[in-house]
Amino acid sequence: MATPDLRDELEAPVEPLLPIEKKLIGWSFGIGIALLALLVLLNRIIPLTYESTIRPRAFERHRNRP
């Protein structure tokens, strides 16, 4: 079995994408954009901040100290 040479691979003609490969790329891109939009929307509705992740009463006690 011959080992492939990198120079031969770089000089080879470019093969077009198969229709199923185009569909896979499109679906992956679409799902990624949709999930990103969902996360942005969810973050606008329910923002997660450092203050909301710790115990609220303990935080208020320390913030109101003189």
PDB file of N, CA and C in Angstrom:
ATOM      1  N   MET A   1       0.845  -1.184   0.000  1.00  0.00           N
ATOM      2  CA  MET A   1       0.000   0.000   0.000  1.00  0.00           C
ATOM      3  C   MET A   1       0.884   1.239   0.000  1.00  0.00           C
ATOM      4  N   ALA A   2       0.658   2.120  -0.938  1.00  0.00           N
ATOM      5  CA  ALA A   2       1.454   3.332  -1.057  1.00  0.00           C
ATOM      6  C   ALA A   2       0.983   4.366  -0.044  1.00  0.00           C
ATOM      7  N   THR A   3       1.939   5.083   0.518  1.00  0.00           N
ATOM      8  CA  THR A   3       1.577   6.146   1.462  1.00  0.00           C
ATOM      9  C   THR A   3       1.258   7.405   0.666  1.00  0.00           C
ATOM     10  N   PRO A   4       0.190   8.110   1.024  1.00  0.00           N
ATOM     11  CA  PRO A   4      -0.161   9.329   0.281  1.00  0.00           C
ATOM     12  C   PRO A   4       0.854  10.446   0.559  1.00  0.00           C
ATOM     13  N   ASP A   5       1.160  11.173  -0.472  1.00  0.00           N
ATOM     14  CA  ASP A   5       2.085  12.295  -0.357  1.00  0.00           C
ATOM     15  C   ASP A   5       1.268  13.578  -0.236  1.00  0.00           C
ATOM     16  N   LEU A   6       1.665  14.454   0.665  1.00  0.00           N
ATOM     17  CA  LEU A   6       0.923  15.689   0.909  1.00  0.00           C
ATOM     18  C   LEU A   6       0.893  16.572  -0.338  1.00  0.00           C
ATOM     19  N   ARG A   7       1.989  16.595  -1.081  1.00  0.00           N
ATOM     20  CA  ARG A   7       2.028  17.423  -2.298  1.00  0.00           C
ATOM     21  C   ARG A   7       1.018  16.938  -3.328  1.00  0.00           C
ATOM     22  N   ASP A   8       0.888  15.637  -3.427  1.00  0.00           N
ATOM     23  CA  ASP A   8      -0.096  15.084  -4.380  1.00  0.00           C
ATOM     24  C   ASP A   8      -1.518  15.429  -3.948  1.00  0.00           C
ATOM     25  N   GLU A   9      -1.778  15.375  -2.654  1.00  0.00           N
ATOM     26  CA  GLU A   9      -3.110  15.695  -2.149  1.00  0.00           C
ATOM     27  C   GLU A   9      -3.451  17.167  -2.368  1.00  0.00           C
ATOM     28  N   LEU A  10      -2.476  18.066  -2.189  1.00  0.00           N
ATOM     29  CA  LEU A  10      -2.726  19.496  -2.374  1.00  0.00           C
ATOM     30  C   LEU A  10      -2.939  19.849  -3.842  1.00  0.00           C
ATOM     31  N   GLU A  11      -2.313  19.112  -4.744  1.00  0.00           N
ATOM     32  CA  GLU A  11      -2.444  19.392  -6.166  1.00  0.00           C
ATOM     33  C   GLU A  11      -3.649  18.691  -6.794  1.00  0.00           C
ATOM     34  N   ALA A  12      -4.308  17.836  -6.055  1.00  0.00           N
ATOM     35  CA  ALA A  12      -5.462  17.094  -6.582  1.00  0.00           C
ATOM     36  C   ALA A  12      -6.626  18.057  -6.826  1.00  0.00           C
ATOM     37  N   PRO A  13      -7.473  17.749  -7.808  1.00  0.00           N
ATOM     38  CA  PRO A  13      -8.631  18.630  -8.053  1.00  0.00           C
ATOM     39  C   PRO A  13      -9.616  18.591  -6.875  1.00  0.00           C
ATOM     40  N   VAL A  14     -10.286  19.700  -6.681  1.00  0.00           N
ATOM     41  CA  VAL A  14     -11.246  19.815  -5.584  1.00  0.00           C
ATOM     42  C   VAL A  14     -12.517  19.052  -5.943  1.00  0.00           C
ATOM     43  N   GLU A  15     -12.963  18.207  -5.027  1.00  0.00           N
ATOM     44  CA  GLU A  15     -14.174  17.430  -5.273  1.00  0.00           C
ATOM     45  C   GLU A  15     -15.382  18.205  -4.756  1.00  0.00           C
ATOM     46  N   PRO A  16     -16.465  18.258  -5.528  1.00  0.00           N
ATOM     47  CA  PRO A  16     -17.664  18.967  -5.057  1.00  0.00           C
ATOM     48  C   PRO A  16     -18.326  18.193  -3.907  1.00  0.00           C
ATOM     49  N   LEU A  17     -19.061  18.925  -3.085  1.00  0.00           N
ATOM     50  CA  LEU A  17     -19.781  18.291  -1.978  1.00  0.00           C
ATOM     51  C   LEU A  17     -20.964  17.498  -2.506  1.00  0.00           C
ATOM     52  N   LEU A  18     -21.224  16.390  -1.842  1.00  0.00           N
ATOM     53  CA  LEU A  18     -22.394  15.596  -2.180  1.00  0.00           C
ATOM     54  C   LEU A  18     -23.643  16.299  -1.648  1.00  0.00           C
ATOM     55  N   PRO A  19     -24.813  16.038  -2.237  1.00  0.00           N
ATOM     56  CA  PRO A  19     -26.039  16.678  -1.745  1.00  0.00           C
ATOM     57  C   PRO A  19     -26.312  16.396  -0.266  1.00  0.00           C
ATOM     58  N   ILE A  20     -26.017  15.185   0.197  1.00  0.00           N
ATOM     59  CA  ILE A  20     -26.259  14.862   1.597  1.00  0.00           C
ATOM     60  C   ILE A  20     -25.297  15.635   2.496  1.00  0.00           C
ATOM     61  N   GLU A  21     -24.080  15.877   2.017  1.00  0.00           N
ATOM     62  CA  GLU A  21     -23.123  16.677   2.789  1.00  0.00           C
ATOM     63  C   GLU A  21     -23.598  18.126   2.899  1.00  0.00           C
ATOM     64  N   LYS A  22     -24.164  18.644   1.811  1.00  0.00           N
ATOM     65  CA  LYS A  22     -24.698  20.011   1.844  1.00  0.00           C
ATOM     66  C   LYS A  22     -25.857  20.111   2.833  1.00  0.00           C
ATOM     67  N   LYS A  23     -26.726  19.092   2.840  1.00  0.00           N
ATOM     68  CA  LYS A  23     -27.851  19.080   3.785  1.00  0.00           C
ATOM     69  C   LYS A  23     -27.347  19.033   5.222  1.00  0.00           C
ATOM     70  N   LEU A  24     -26.345  18.194   5.475  1.00  0.00           N
ATOM     71  CA  LEU A  24     -25.793  18.060   6.813  1.00  0.00           C
ATOM     72  C   LEU A  24     -25.187  19.368   7.290  1.00  0.00           C
ATOM     73  N   ILE A  25     -24.459  20.042   6.426  1.00  0.00           N
ATOM     74  CA  ILE A  25     -23.863  21.337   6.774  1.00  0.00           C
ATOM     75  C   ILE A  25     -24.969  22.350   7.050  1.00  0.00           C
ATOM     76  N   GLY A  26     -25.986  22.383   6.211  1.00  0.00           N
ATOM     77  CA  GLY A  26     -27.094  23.328   6.398  1.00  0.00           C
ATOM     78  C   GLY A  26     -27.853  23.087   7.695  1.00  0.00           C
ATOM     79  N   TRP A  27     -28.177  21.825   7.973  1.00  0.00           N
ATOM     80  CA  TRP A  27     -28.894  21.502   9.211  1.00  0.00           C
ATOM     81  C   TRP A  27     -28.046  21.825  10.442  1.00  0.00           C
ATOM     82  N   SER A  28     -26.766  21.503  10.405  1.00  0.00           N
ATOM     83  CA  SER A  28     -25.891  21.778  11.543  1.00  0.00           C
ATOM     84  C   SER A  28     -25.794  23.280  11.797  1.00  0.00           C
ATOM     85  N   PHE A  29     -25.634  24.041  10.731  1.00  0.00           N
ATOM     86  CA  PHE A  29     -25.557  25.494  10.859  1.00  0.00           C
ATOM     87  C   PHE A  29     -26.882  26.053  11.385  1.00  0.00           C
ATOM     88  N   GLY A  30     -28.000  25.579  10.844  1.00  0.00           N
ATOM     89  CA  GLY A  30     -29.315  26.056  11.278  1.00  0.00           C
ATOM     90  C   GLY A  30     -29.599  25.736  12.741  1.00  0.00           C
ATOM     91  N   ILE A  31     -29.285  24.517  13.152  1.00  0.00           N
ATOM     92  CA  ILE A  31     -29.502  24.128  14.556  1.00  0.00           C
ATOM     93  C   ILE A  31     -28.608  24.956  15.475  1.00  0.00           C
ATOM     94  N   GLY A  32     -27.375  25.190  15.075  1.00  0.00           N
ATOM     95  CA  GLY A  32     -26.463  25.999  15.887  1.00  0.00           C
ATOM     96  C   GLY A  32     -26.960  27.426  16.070  1.00  0.00           C
ATOM     97  N   ILE A  33     -27.422  28.050  14.987  1.00  0.00           N
ATOM     98  CA  ILE A  33     -27.948  29.423  15.066  1.00  0.00           C
ATOM     99  C   ILE A  33     -29.224  29.454  15.903  1.00  0.00           C
ATOM    100  N   ALA A  34     -30.099  28.460  15.739  1.00  0.00           N
ATOM    101  CA  ALA A  34     -31.350  28.411  16.510  1.00  0.00           C
ATOM    102  C   ALA A  34     -31.062  28.249  18.003  1.00  0.00           C
ATOM    103  N   LEU A  35     -30.137  27.381  18.358  1.00  0.00           N
ATOM    104  CA  LEU A  35     -29.794  27.200  19.771  1.00  0.00           C
ATOM    105  C   LEU A  35     -29.136  28.443  20.359  1.00  0.00           C
ATOM    106  N   LEU A  36     -28.312  29.109  19.574  1.00  0.00           N
ATOM    107  CA  LEU A  36     -27.701  30.351  20.043  1.00  0.00           C
ATOM    108  C   LEU A  36     -28.763  31.408  20.296  1.00  0.00           C
ATOM    109  N   ALA A  37     -29.730  31.540  19.382  1.00  0.00           N
ATOM    110  CA  ALA A  37     -30.820  32.500  19.565  1.00  0.00           C
ATOM    111  C   ALA A  37     -31.660  32.145  20.788  1.00  0.00           C
ATOM    112  N   LEU A  38     -31.901  30.850  20.994  1.00  0.00           N
ATOM    113  CA  LEU A  38     -32.666  30.406  22.162  1.00  0.00           C
ATOM    114  C   LEU A  38     -31.936  30.747  23.458  1.00  0.00           C
ATOM    115  N   LEU A  39     -30.641  30.540  23.497  1.00  0.00           N
ATOM    116  CA  LEU A  39     -29.871  30.871  24.698  1.00  0.00           C
ATOM    117  C   LEU A  39     -29.859  32.376  24.960  1.00  0.00           C
ATOM    118  N   VAL A  40     -29.751  33.184  23.917  1.00  0.00           N
ATOM    119  CA  VAL A  40     -29.783  34.640  24.092  1.00  0.00           C
ATOM    120  C   VAL A  40     -31.143  35.066  24.623  1.00  0.00           C
ATOM    121  N   LEU A  41     -32.215  34.517  24.056  1.00  0.00           N
ATOM    122  CA  LEU A  41     -33.561  34.838  24.510  1.00  0.00           C
ATOM    123  C   LEU A  41     -33.770  34.399  25.955  1.00  0.00           C
ATOM    124  N   LEU A  42     -33.332  33.210  26.275  1.00  0.00           N
ATOM    125  CA  LEU A  42     -33.462  32.703  27.639  1.00  0.00           C
ATOM    126  C   LEU A  42     -32.672  33.556  28.630  1.00  0.00           C
ATOM    127  N   ASN A  43     -31.510  34.025  28.219  1.00  0.00           N
ATOM    128  CA  ASN A  43     -30.707  34.875  29.090  1.00  0.00           C
ATOM    129  C   ASN A  43     -31.363  36.243  29.287  1.00  0.00           C
ATOM    130  N   ARG A  44     -32.087  36.720  28.289  1.00  0.00           N
ATOM    131  CA  ARG A  44     -32.811  37.998  28.440  1.00  0.00           C
ATOM    132  C   ARG A  44     -34.000  37.837  29.378  1.00  0.00           C
ATOM    133  N   ILE A  45     -34.664  36.692  29.322  1.00  0.00           N
ATOM    134  CA  ILE A  45     -35.839  36.450  30.162  1.00  0.00           C
ATOM    135  C   ILE A  45     -35.424  36.129  31.593  1.00  0.00           C
ATOM    136  N   ILE A  46     -34.474  35.230  31.751  1.00  0.00           N
ATOM    137  CA  ILE A  46     -34.006  34.804  33.076  1.00  0.00           C
ATOM    138  C   ILE A  46     -32.497  35.032  33.145  1.00  0.00           C
ATOM    139  N   PRO A  47     -32.075  36.248  33.461  1.00  0.00           N
ATOM    140  CA  PRO A  47     -30.623  36.489  33.504  1.00  0.00           C
ATOM    141  C   PRO A  47     -29.985  35.798  34.713  1.00  0.00           C
ATOM    142  N   LEU A  48     -28.872  35.150  34.484  1.00  0.00           N
ATOM    143  CA  LEU A  48     -28.127  34.527  35.565  1.00  0.00           C
ATOM    144  C   LEU A  48     -26.965  35.442  35.923  1.00  0.00           C
ATOM    145  N   THR A  49     -26.980  35.954  37.132  1.00  0.00           N
ATOM    146  CA  THR A  49     -25.901  36.806  37.604  1.00  0.00           C
ATOM    147  C   THR A  49     -25.249  36.156  38.801  1.00  0.00           C
ATOM    148  N   TYR A  50     -24.125  36.678  39.199  1.00  0.00           N
ATOM    149  CA  TYR A  50     -23.429  36.135  40.356  1.00  0.00           C
ATOM    150  C   TYR A  50     -24.285  36.278  41.605  1.00  0.00           C
ATOM    151  N   GLU A  51     -24.998  37.388  41.729  1.00  0.00           N
ATOM    152  CA  GLU A  51     -25.810  37.631  42.915  1.00  0.00           C
ATOM    153  C   GLU A  51     -26.959  36.629  43.028  1.00  0.00           C
ATOM    154  N   SER A  52     -27.491  36.170  41.912  1.00  0.00           N
ATOM    155  CA  SER A  52     -28.618  35.243  41.971  1.00  0.00           C
ATOM    156  C   SER A  52     -28.180  33.806  42.233  1.00  0.00           C
ATOM    157  N   THR A  53     -26.883  33.524  42.126  1.00  0.00           N
ATOM    158  CA  THR A  53     -26.414  32.158  42.333  1.00  0.00           C
ATOM    159  C   THR A  53     -25.993  31.894  43.771  1.00  0.00           C
ATOM    160  N   ILE A  54     -25.775  32.953  44.562  1.00  0.00           N
ATOM    161  CA  ILE A  54     -25.417  32.742  45.962  1.00  0.00           C
ATOM    162  C   ILE A  54     -26.651  32.949  46.823  1.00  0.00           C
ATOM    163  N   ARG A  55     -26.542  32.634  48.103  1.00  0.00           N
ATOM    164  CA  ARG A  55     -27.697  32.778  48.980  1.00  0.00           C
ATOM    165  C   ARG A  55     -28.079  34.257  49.091  1.00  0.00           C
ATOM    166  N   PRO A  56     -29.285  34.632  48.714  1.00  0.00           N
ATOM    167  CA  PRO A  56     -29.681  36.049  48.690  1.00  0.00           C
ATOM    168  C   PRO A  56     -29.622  36.723  50.064  1.00  0.00           C
ATOM    169  N   ARG A  57     -30.074  36.053  51.125  1.00  0.00           N
ATOM    170  CA  ARG A  57     -30.079  36.699  52.439  1.00  0.00           C
ATOM    171  C   ARG A  57     -28.673  36.954  52.935  1.00  0.00           C
ATOM    172  N   ALA A  58     -27.775  36.035  52.708  1.00  0.00           N
ATOM    173  CA  ALA A  58     -26.393  36.236  53.134  1.00  0.00           C
ATOM    174  C   ALA A  58     -25.774  37.398  52.371  1.00  0.00           C
ATOM    175  N   PHE A  59     -26.110  37.528  51.092  1.00  0.00           N
ATOM    176  CA  PHE A  59     -25.564  38.621  50.289  1.00  0.00           C
ATOM    177  C   PHE A  59     -26.107  39.959  50.776  1.00  0.00           C
ATOM    178  N   GLU A  60     -27.397  40.040  51.070  1.00  0.00           N
ATOM    179  CA  GLU A  60     -27.996  41.283  51.556  1.00  0.00           C
ATOM    180  C   GLU A  60     -27.375  41.693  52.887  1.00  0.00           C
ATOM    181  N   ARG A  61     -27.112  40.728  53.742  1.00  0.00           N
ATOM    182  CA  ARG A  61     -26.528  41.029  55.039  1.00  0.00           C
ATOM    183  C   ARG A  61     -25.162  41.686  54.878  1.00  0.00           C
ATOM    184  N   HIS A  62     -24.340  41.192  53.955  1.00  0.00           N
ATOM    185  CA  HIS A  62     -23.006  41.747  53.761  1.00  0.00           C
ATOM    186  C   HIS A  62     -23.030  43.067  52.996  1.00  0.00           C
ATOM    187  N   ARG A  63     -23.993  43.246  52.126  1.00  0.00           N
ATOM    188  CA  ARG A  63     -24.041  44.465  51.335  1.00  0.00           C
ATOM    189  C   ARG A  63     -24.518  45.647  52.172  1.00  0.00           C
ATOM    190  N   ASN A  64     -25.350  45.423  53.182  1.00  0.00           N
ATOM    191  CA  ASN A  64     -25.894  46.506  53.983  1.00  0.00           C
ATOM    192  C   ASN A  64     -25.009  46.882  55.164  1.00  0.00           C
ATOM    193  N   ARG A  65     -23.848  46.305  55.282  1.00  0.00           N
ATOM    194  CA  ARG A  65     -22.942  46.672  56.383  1.00  0.00           C
ATOM    195  C   ARG A  65     -22.386  48.072  56.158  1.00  0.00           C
ATOM    196  N   PRO A  66     -22.216  48.834  57.231  1.00  0.00           N
ATOM    197  CA  PRO A  66     -21.625  50.175  57.072  1.00  0.00           C
ATOM    198  C   PRO A  66     -20.142  50.139  56.838  1.00  0.00           C
TER     199      PRO A  66
END
